[in-house]
Amino acid sequence: MAHRYATSGAMALIAADTVLSVIAATTVRPAIYDLVLSSSSTPNDYSADFQLQRFSADGTATSTTPQPLDFNDPAAVATSKHTYTVEPTLTAGEILLRLSHNQRATVRWVAAPGSELIIPALAGDGIALLCNAVSTQFTEVATFLFEE
């Protein structure tokens, strides 16, 4: 039976910055099945464009501990980071999902069954939520739900 986890992070958006990631280990293949984007800034008509992209080497960021959705589940093997200061090494052309939203709206993407975004079981590989473009800086809050 798969164990399910939540991880989240927030940052003031700058184009080409990674907001949140899930990073695999050699023993698990995490699968992202849910994504929620919202803003904690004062509402305005700003917009941002995001992409979920694979990476092959992690960068420098703040670690966040994935929380089990079932309190009785074990700790996650996969790790997570947010607010990158040194970007991960993105895999060229491996953009898995792209979406844009207005800061006033909350966006939720849920994978159709069998269409989860799966990370290979390779240490340091992962999926990054990258801010591709932003109209004006505002704070974005992102949450991934994933299973392993």
N, C-alpha and C. Protein backbone atom coordinates (compact mmCIF):
# COMPACT_ATOMS: atom_id res chain seq x y z
N MET A 1 0.83 -1.18 0.00
CA MET A 1 0.00 0.00 0.00
C MET A 1 0.87 1.24 0.00
N ALA A 2 0.55 2.20 -0.85
CA ALA A 2 1.32 3.43 -0.93
C ALA A 2 1.04 4.32 0.27
N HIS A 3 2.06 5.04 0.69
CA HIS A 3 1.91 6.02 1.76
C HIS A 3 1.85 7.39 1.11
N ARG A 4 1.02 8.27 1.65
CA ARG A 4 0.79 9.59 1.06
C ARG A 4 1.28 10.70 1.99
N TYR A 5 1.85 11.73 1.36
CA TYR A 5 2.48 12.81 2.11
C TYR A 5 2.12 14.17 1.52
N ALA A 6 2.26 15.21 2.35
CA ALA A 6 2.07 16.59 1.92
C ALA A 6 3.35 17.36 2.21
N THR A 7 3.67 18.27 1.31
CA THR A 7 4.80 19.17 1.53
C THR A 7 4.43 20.53 0.95
N SER A 8 4.91 21.59 1.57
CA SER A 8 4.56 22.92 1.06
C SER A 8 5.68 23.91 1.33
N GLY A 9 5.59 25.02 0.62
CA GLY A 9 6.56 26.09 0.78
C GLY A 9 6.00 27.37 0.19
N ALA A 10 6.62 28.48 0.54
CA ALA A 10 6.18 29.78 0.04
C ALA A 10 7.40 30.63 -0.26
N MET A 11 7.27 31.50 -1.25
CA MET A 11 8.36 32.43 -1.54
C MET A 11 7.85 33.59 -2.37
N ALA A 12 8.56 34.71 -2.30
CA ALA A 12 8.28 35.86 -3.16
C ALA A 12 8.79 35.49 -4.55
N LEU A 13 7.89 35.53 -5.52
CA LEU A 13 8.22 35.03 -6.86
C LEU A 13 9.21 35.90 -7.61
N ILE A 14 10.13 35.24 -8.25
CA ILE A 14 11.07 35.85 -9.20
C ILE A 14 11.14 34.86 -10.35
N ALA A 15 11.12 35.35 -11.56
CA ALA A 15 11.18 34.46 -12.72
C ALA A 15 12.43 33.59 -12.65
N ALA A 16 12.28 32.34 -13.05
CA ALA A 16 13.35 31.33 -13.10
C ALA A 16 13.78 30.86 -11.72
N ASP A 17 12.91 30.99 -10.73
CA ASP A 17 13.20 30.47 -9.39
C ASP A 17 12.30 29.29 -9.08
N THR A 18 12.85 28.30 -8.39
CA THR A 18 12.09 27.13 -7.98
C THR A 18 11.42 27.41 -6.65
N VAL A 19 10.11 27.19 -6.62
CA VAL A 19 9.32 27.43 -5.42
C VAL A 19 9.33 26.23 -4.49
N LEU A 20 9.17 25.02 -5.07
CA LEU A 20 9.03 23.81 -4.26
C LEU A 20 9.50 22.61 -5.07
N SER A 21 10.00 21.59 -4.40
CA SER A 21 10.42 20.37 -5.10
C SER A 21 10.17 19.15 -4.24
N VAL A 22 10.11 18.01 -4.91
CA VAL A 22 10.14 16.70 -4.25
C VAL A 22 11.34 15.97 -4.85
N ILE A 23 12.15 15.37 -3.98
CA ILE A 23 13.41 14.76 -4.39
C ILE A 23 13.39 13.28 -4.01
N ALA A 24 13.71 12.44 -4.97
CA ALA A 24 13.68 10.99 -4.76
C ALA A 24 14.89 10.49 -3.98
N ALA A 25 14.81 9.25 -3.58
CA ALA A 25 15.94 8.50 -3.02
C ALA A 25 16.07 7.24 -3.87
N THR A 26 17.12 6.49 -3.68
CA THR A 26 17.33 5.31 -4.53
C THR A 26 16.33 4.20 -4.27
N THR A 27 15.57 4.30 -3.19
CA THR A 27 14.65 3.21 -2.84
C THR A 27 13.19 3.51 -3.13
N VAL A 28 12.84 4.73 -3.53
CA VAL A 28 11.43 5.07 -3.78
C VAL A 28 11.28 5.87 -5.07
N ARG A 29 10.10 5.76 -5.66
CA ARG A 29 9.73 6.55 -6.83
C ARG A 29 8.52 7.40 -6.44
N PRO A 30 8.75 8.59 -5.88
CA PRO A 30 7.62 9.42 -5.47
C PRO A 30 6.75 9.78 -6.69
N ALA A 31 5.45 9.90 -6.45
CA ALA A 31 4.51 10.25 -7.51
C ALA A 31 3.65 11.42 -7.03
N ILE A 32 3.81 12.57 -7.67
CA ILE A 32 3.00 13.74 -7.31
C ILE A 32 1.63 13.57 -7.94
N TYR A 33 0.59 13.67 -7.12
CA TYR A 33 -0.76 13.50 -7.64
C TYR A 33 -1.66 14.70 -7.41
N ASP A 34 -1.19 15.72 -6.68
CA ASP A 34 -2.02 16.88 -6.40
C ASP A 34 -1.11 18.09 -6.19
N LEU A 35 -1.54 19.23 -6.70
CA LEU A 35 -0.79 20.47 -6.58
C LEU A 35 -1.78 21.59 -6.31
N VAL A 36 -1.48 22.43 -5.33
CA VAL A 36 -2.31 23.59 -5.01
C VAL A 36 -1.41 24.82 -5.02
N LEU A 37 -1.84 25.86 -5.73
CA LEU A 37 -1.13 27.14 -5.77
C LEU A 37 -2.06 28.24 -5.29
N SER A 38 -1.54 29.12 -4.45
CA SER A 38 -2.31 30.26 -3.99
C SER A 38 -1.33 31.36 -3.60
N SER A 39 -1.85 32.49 -3.16
CA SER A 39 -0.98 33.59 -2.77
C SER A 39 -1.37 34.10 -1.39
N SER A 40 -0.36 34.45 -0.61
CA SER A 40 -0.60 35.03 0.71
C SER A 40 -0.43 36.55 0.68
N SER A 41 -0.17 37.13 -0.49
CA SER A 41 0.00 38.57 -0.62
C SER A 41 -1.36 39.27 -0.68
N THR A 42 -1.35 40.58 -0.46
CA THR A 42 -2.57 41.37 -0.61
C THR A 42 -3.08 41.18 -2.03
N PRO A 43 -4.37 40.86 -2.19
CA PRO A 43 -4.89 40.57 -3.53
C PRO A 43 -4.68 41.71 -4.52
N ASN A 44 -4.30 41.33 -5.73
CA ASN A 44 -4.11 42.27 -6.83
C ASN A 44 -4.21 41.49 -8.12
N ASP A 45 -4.19 42.15 -9.23
CA ASP A 45 -4.31 41.47 -10.52
C ASP A 45 -2.95 41.16 -11.13
N TYR A 46 -2.14 40.43 -10.38
CA TYR A 46 -0.85 39.96 -10.86
C TYR A 46 -1.01 38.53 -11.35
N SER A 47 -0.08 38.11 -12.19
CA SER A 47 -0.15 36.74 -12.68
C SER A 47 1.24 36.11 -12.69
N ALA A 48 1.23 34.79 -12.73
CA ALA A 48 2.49 34.05 -12.79
C ALA A 48 2.29 32.81 -13.64
N ASP A 49 3.37 32.39 -14.28
CA ASP A 49 3.37 31.19 -15.12
C ASP A 49 4.32 30.20 -14.47
N PHE A 50 3.86 28.96 -14.31
CA PHE A 50 4.65 27.92 -13.64
C PHE A 50 4.82 26.72 -14.53
N GLN A 51 5.89 25.97 -14.27
CA GLN A 51 6.06 24.68 -14.92
C GLN A 51 6.63 23.69 -13.92
N LEU A 52 6.14 22.46 -14.03
CA LEU A 52 6.71 21.36 -13.27
C LEU A 52 7.70 20.68 -14.19
N GLN A 53 8.95 20.65 -13.76
CA GLN A 53 10.02 20.15 -14.62
C GLN A 53 10.92 19.21 -13.84
N ARG A 54 11.37 18.16 -14.52
CA ARG A 54 12.29 17.21 -13.91
C ARG A 54 13.67 17.86 -13.70
N PHE A 55 14.38 17.38 -12.68
CA PHE A 55 15.78 17.78 -12.52
C PHE A 55 16.61 16.57 -12.16
N SER A 56 17.92 16.67 -12.46
CA SER A 56 18.83 15.54 -12.25
C SER A 56 19.82 15.76 -11.13
N ALA A 57 19.87 16.97 -10.59
CA ALA A 57 20.74 17.27 -9.45
C ALA A 57 20.08 18.39 -8.65
N ASP A 58 19.99 18.20 -7.37
CA ASP A 58 19.33 19.17 -6.50
C ASP A 58 20.21 20.40 -6.31
N GLY A 59 19.57 21.51 -5.95
CA GLY A 59 20.29 22.75 -5.66
C GLY A 59 20.27 23.03 -4.16
N THR A 60 20.46 24.30 -3.80
CA THR A 60 20.47 24.71 -2.41
C THR A 60 19.16 25.41 -2.08
N ALA A 61 18.50 24.96 -1.02
CA ALA A 61 17.21 25.52 -0.63
C ALA A 61 16.93 25.16 0.82
N THR A 62 15.80 25.63 1.30
CA THR A 62 15.34 25.31 2.65
C THR A 62 14.63 23.97 2.63
N SER A 63 15.08 23.05 3.48
CA SER A 63 14.44 21.73 3.56
C SER A 63 13.11 21.85 4.29
N THR A 64 12.16 21.06 3.83
CA THR A 64 10.87 20.96 4.50
C THR A 64 10.57 19.47 4.67
N THR A 65 10.03 19.10 5.79
CA THR A 65 9.76 17.69 6.08
C THR A 65 8.38 17.31 5.58
N PRO A 66 8.29 16.39 4.61
CA PRO A 66 6.97 15.93 4.15
C PRO A 66 6.21 15.30 5.32
N GLN A 67 4.94 15.64 5.43
CA GLN A 67 4.10 15.14 6.51
C GLN A 67 3.19 14.03 6.02
N PRO A 68 3.13 12.90 6.73
CA PRO A 68 2.22 11.82 6.30
C PRO A 68 0.77 12.28 6.44
N LEU A 69 -0.06 11.92 5.46
CA LEU A 69 -1.47 12.26 5.54
C LEU A 69 -2.17 11.36 6.55
N ASP A 70 -1.65 10.16 6.75
CA ASP A 70 -2.13 9.25 7.79
C ASP A 70 -1.09 9.28 8.90
N PHE A 71 -1.50 9.72 10.07
CA PHE A 71 -0.58 9.89 11.19
C PHE A 71 0.21 8.61 11.51
N ASN A 72 -0.35 7.44 11.18
CA ASN A 72 0.31 6.17 11.49
C ASN A 72 1.31 5.72 10.43
N ASP A 73 1.41 6.45 9.32
CA ASP A 73 2.37 6.09 8.28
C ASP A 73 3.79 6.45 8.70
N PRO A 74 4.78 5.77 8.12
CA PRO A 74 6.17 6.09 8.45
C PRO A 74 6.58 7.42 7.83
N ALA A 75 7.73 7.91 8.26
CA ALA A 75 8.28 9.13 7.66
C ALA A 75 8.57 8.89 6.18
N ALA A 76 8.43 9.92 5.38
CA ALA A 76 8.72 9.82 3.95
C ALA A 76 10.20 9.54 3.73
N VAL A 77 10.49 8.76 2.69
CA VAL A 77 11.87 8.54 2.27
C VAL A 77 12.30 9.69 1.37
N ALA A 78 11.41 10.12 0.49
CA ALA A 78 11.68 11.27 -0.37
C ALA A 78 11.81 12.52 0.50
N THR A 79 12.51 13.52 -0.03
CA THR A 79 12.66 14.78 0.68
C THR A 79 12.04 15.91 -0.13
N SER A 80 12.01 17.08 0.46
CA SER A 80 11.42 18.23 -0.20
C SER A 80 12.16 19.49 0.21
N LYS A 81 12.18 20.47 -0.69
CA LYS A 81 12.81 21.77 -0.41
C LYS A 81 11.95 22.88 -1.01
N HIS A 82 12.14 24.08 -0.47
CA HIS A 82 11.46 25.25 -1.01
C HIS A 82 12.39 26.46 -0.96
N THR A 83 12.05 27.51 -1.66
CA THR A 83 12.79 28.77 -1.68
C THR A 83 14.25 28.55 -2.04
N TYR A 84 14.49 28.12 -3.25
CA TYR A 84 15.85 27.82 -3.72
C TYR A 84 16.68 29.09 -3.87
N THR A 85 17.94 29.00 -3.44
CA THR A 85 18.91 30.07 -3.68
C THR A 85 19.91 29.65 -4.76
N VAL A 86 20.11 28.34 -4.92
CA VAL A 86 20.88 27.78 -6.04
C VAL A 86 19.95 26.77 -6.70
N GLU A 87 19.63 27.01 -7.95
CA GLU A 87 18.64 26.21 -8.66
C GLU A 87 19.10 24.77 -8.89
N PRO A 88 18.15 23.83 -8.91
CA PRO A 88 18.51 22.47 -9.29
C PRO A 88 18.88 22.44 -10.77
N THR A 89 19.54 21.36 -11.20
CA THR A 89 19.91 21.20 -12.61
C THR A 89 18.70 20.64 -13.35
N LEU A 90 17.96 21.52 -14.01
CA LEU A 90 16.75 21.12 -14.71
C LEU A 90 17.10 20.28 -15.93
N THR A 91 16.27 19.28 -16.21
CA THR A 91 16.46 18.42 -17.36
C THR A 91 15.80 19.08 -18.56
N ALA A 92 16.59 19.43 -19.56
CA ALA A 92 16.09 20.16 -20.72
C ALA A 92 14.93 19.44 -21.39
N GLY A 93 13.89 20.18 -21.68
CA GLY A 93 12.75 19.65 -22.42
C GLY A 93 11.82 18.76 -21.62
N GLU A 94 12.09 18.52 -20.34
CA GLU A 94 11.23 17.62 -19.56
C GLU A 94 10.27 18.40 -18.67
N ILE A 95 9.48 19.23 -19.32
CA ILE A 95 8.42 19.99 -18.65
C ILE A 95 7.19 19.09 -18.65
N LEU A 96 6.71 18.74 -17.47
CA LEU A 96 5.61 17.79 -17.34
C LEU A 96 4.24 18.46 -17.26
N LEU A 97 4.20 19.69 -16.78
CA LEU A 97 2.95 20.41 -16.63
C LEU A 97 3.26 21.89 -16.60
N ARG A 98 2.44 22.67 -17.27
CA ARG A 98 2.61 24.11 -17.26
C ARG A 98 1.26 24.74 -17.00
N LEU A 99 1.22 25.71 -16.09
CA LEU A 99 -0.02 26.41 -15.80
C LEU A 99 0.25 27.83 -15.37
N SER A 100 -0.72 28.68 -15.62
CA SER A 100 -0.64 30.09 -15.22
C SER A 100 -1.85 30.40 -14.36
N HIS A 101 -1.68 31.37 -13.49
CA HIS A 101 -2.85 31.79 -12.72
C HIS A 101 -2.73 33.23 -12.27
N ASN A 102 -3.89 33.81 -12.01
CA ASN A 102 -3.99 35.15 -11.46
C ASN A 102 -3.82 35.04 -9.96
N GLN A 103 -3.16 36.02 -9.38
CA GLN A 103 -2.87 35.98 -7.94
C GLN A 103 -4.14 35.88 -7.09
N ARG A 104 -5.25 36.38 -7.57
CA ARG A 104 -6.49 36.34 -6.80
C ARG A 104 -7.12 34.94 -6.77
N ALA A 105 -6.66 34.05 -7.61
CA ALA A 105 -7.27 32.73 -7.72
C ALA A 105 -6.39 31.66 -7.07
N THR A 106 -7.03 30.64 -6.53
CA THR A 106 -6.32 29.45 -6.08
C THR A 106 -6.45 28.42 -7.19
N VAL A 107 -5.36 27.76 -7.50
CA VAL A 107 -5.36 26.76 -8.58
C VAL A 107 -5.06 25.40 -7.97
N ARG A 108 -5.82 24.40 -8.41
CA ARG A 108 -5.55 23.03 -7.97
C ARG A 108 -5.50 22.14 -9.19
N TRP A 109 -4.43 21.34 -9.27
CA TRP A 109 -4.31 20.32 -10.32
C TRP A 109 -4.31 18.97 -9.63
N VAL A 110 -5.16 18.07 -10.11
CA VAL A 110 -5.23 16.72 -9.57
C VAL A 110 -5.03 15.75 -10.74
N ALA A 111 -4.09 14.83 -10.59
CA ALA A 111 -3.79 13.87 -11.66
C ALA A 111 -4.96 12.90 -11.84
N ALA A 112 -5.27 12.62 -13.09
CA ALA A 112 -6.20 11.54 -13.38
C ALA A 112 -5.55 10.25 -12.91
N PRO A 113 -6.33 9.26 -12.43
CA PRO A 113 -5.72 8.01 -11.97
C PRO A 113 -4.78 7.41 -13.03
N GLY A 114 -3.57 7.10 -12.60
CA GLY A 114 -2.57 6.55 -13.51
C GLY A 114 -1.74 7.61 -14.21
N SER A 115 -2.04 8.88 -13.98
CA SER A 115 -1.31 9.98 -14.65
C SER A 115 -0.49 10.81 -13.67
N GLU A 116 -0.14 10.24 -12.55
CA GLU A 116 0.68 10.94 -11.57
C GLU A 116 2.05 11.26 -12.17
N LEU A 117 2.70 12.28 -11.65
CA LEU A 117 4.04 12.66 -12.13
C LEU A 117 5.06 11.90 -11.29
N ILE A 118 5.70 10.91 -11.91
CA ILE A 118 6.56 9.98 -11.19
C ILE A 118 8.03 10.38 -11.32
N ILE A 119 8.71 10.37 -10.20
CA ILE A 119 10.13 10.70 -10.14
C ILE A 119 10.91 9.39 -10.12
N PRO A 120 11.96 9.25 -10.94
CA PRO A 120 12.74 8.01 -10.92
C PRO A 120 13.43 7.80 -9.57
N ALA A 121 13.66 6.56 -9.22
CA ALA A 121 14.33 6.22 -7.95
C ALA A 121 15.84 6.41 -8.08
N LEU A 122 16.24 7.63 -8.28
CA LEU A 122 17.66 8.00 -8.39
C LEU A 122 17.93 9.13 -7.41
N ALA A 123 18.91 8.95 -6.55
CA ALA A 123 19.23 9.98 -5.55
C ALA A 123 19.51 11.31 -6.23
N GLY A 124 18.85 12.35 -5.79
CA GLY A 124 19.06 13.69 -6.35
C GLY A 124 18.14 14.05 -7.47
N ASP A 125 17.43 13.08 -8.06
CA ASP A 125 16.45 13.40 -9.10
C ASP A 125 15.17 13.90 -8.44
N GLY A 126 14.45 14.75 -9.14
CA GLY A 126 13.22 15.26 -8.57
C GLY A 126 12.38 16.00 -9.58
N ILE A 127 11.34 16.62 -9.08
CA ILE A 127 10.47 17.48 -9.87
C ILE A 127 10.40 18.82 -9.16
N ALA A 128 10.62 19.89 -9.92
CA ALA A 128 10.62 21.25 -9.39
C ALA A 128 9.42 22.01 -9.90
N LEU A 129 8.83 22.83 -9.03
CA LEU A 129 7.83 23.80 -9.44
C LEU A 129 8.57 25.10 -9.67
N LEU A 130 8.74 25.45 -10.94
CA LEU A 130 9.54 26.59 -11.34
C LEU A 130 8.63 27.75 -11.74
N CYS A 131 8.91 28.94 -11.22
CA CYS A 131 8.22 30.14 -11.69
C CYS A 131 8.87 30.54 -13.00
N ASN A 132 8.14 30.36 -14.08
CA ASN A 132 8.66 30.64 -15.41
C ASN A 132 8.64 32.14 -15.71
N ALA A 133 7.58 32.82 -15.28
CA ALA A 133 7.43 34.27 -15.49
C ALA A 133 6.46 34.81 -14.46
N VAL A 134 6.64 36.07 -14.08
CA VAL A 134 5.74 36.71 -13.12
C VAL A 134 5.58 38.17 -13.52
N SER A 135 4.35 38.69 -13.45
CA SER A 135 4.10 40.07 -13.87
C SER A 135 4.68 41.06 -12.87
N THR A 136 4.46 40.83 -11.60
CA THR A 136 4.98 41.64 -10.51
C THR A 136 5.20 40.72 -9.32
N GLN A 137 6.22 40.97 -8.55
CA GLN A 137 6.54 40.06 -7.45
C GLN A 137 5.40 39.99 -6.44
N PHE A 138 5.02 38.77 -6.07
CA PHE A 138 4.08 38.51 -4.97
C PHE A 138 4.45 37.17 -4.36
N THR A 139 3.92 36.89 -3.19
CA THR A 139 4.27 35.65 -2.50
C THR A 139 3.35 34.53 -2.92
N GLU A 140 3.95 33.45 -3.37
CA GLU A 140 3.22 32.26 -3.81
C GLU A 140 3.35 31.17 -2.75
N VAL A 141 2.26 30.47 -2.52
CA VAL A 141 2.24 29.34 -1.59
C VAL A 141 1.93 28.09 -2.43
N ALA A 142 2.76 27.07 -2.30
CA ALA A 142 2.57 25.86 -3.10
C ALA A 142 2.53 24.64 -2.17
N THR A 143 1.66 23.69 -2.52
CA THR A 143 1.57 22.43 -1.79
C THR A 143 1.54 21.29 -2.80
N PHE A 144 2.37 20.28 -2.56
CA PHE A 144 2.34 19.03 -3.32
C PHE A 144 1.80 17.94 -2.41
N LEU A 145 0.97 17.07 -2.97
CA LEU A 145 0.64 15.81 -2.33
C LEU A 145 1.28 14.74 -3.18
N PHE A 146 2.00 13.82 -2.54
CA PHE A 146 2.67 12.76 -3.29
C PHE A 146 2.60 11.46 -2.52
N GLU A 147 2.82 10.38 -3.24
CA GLU A 147 2.85 9.06 -2.61
C GLU A 147 4.14 8.35 -2.95
N GLU A 148 4.48 7.43 -2.09
CA GLU A 148 5.67 6.60 -2.36
C GLU A 148 5.43 5.20 -1.86
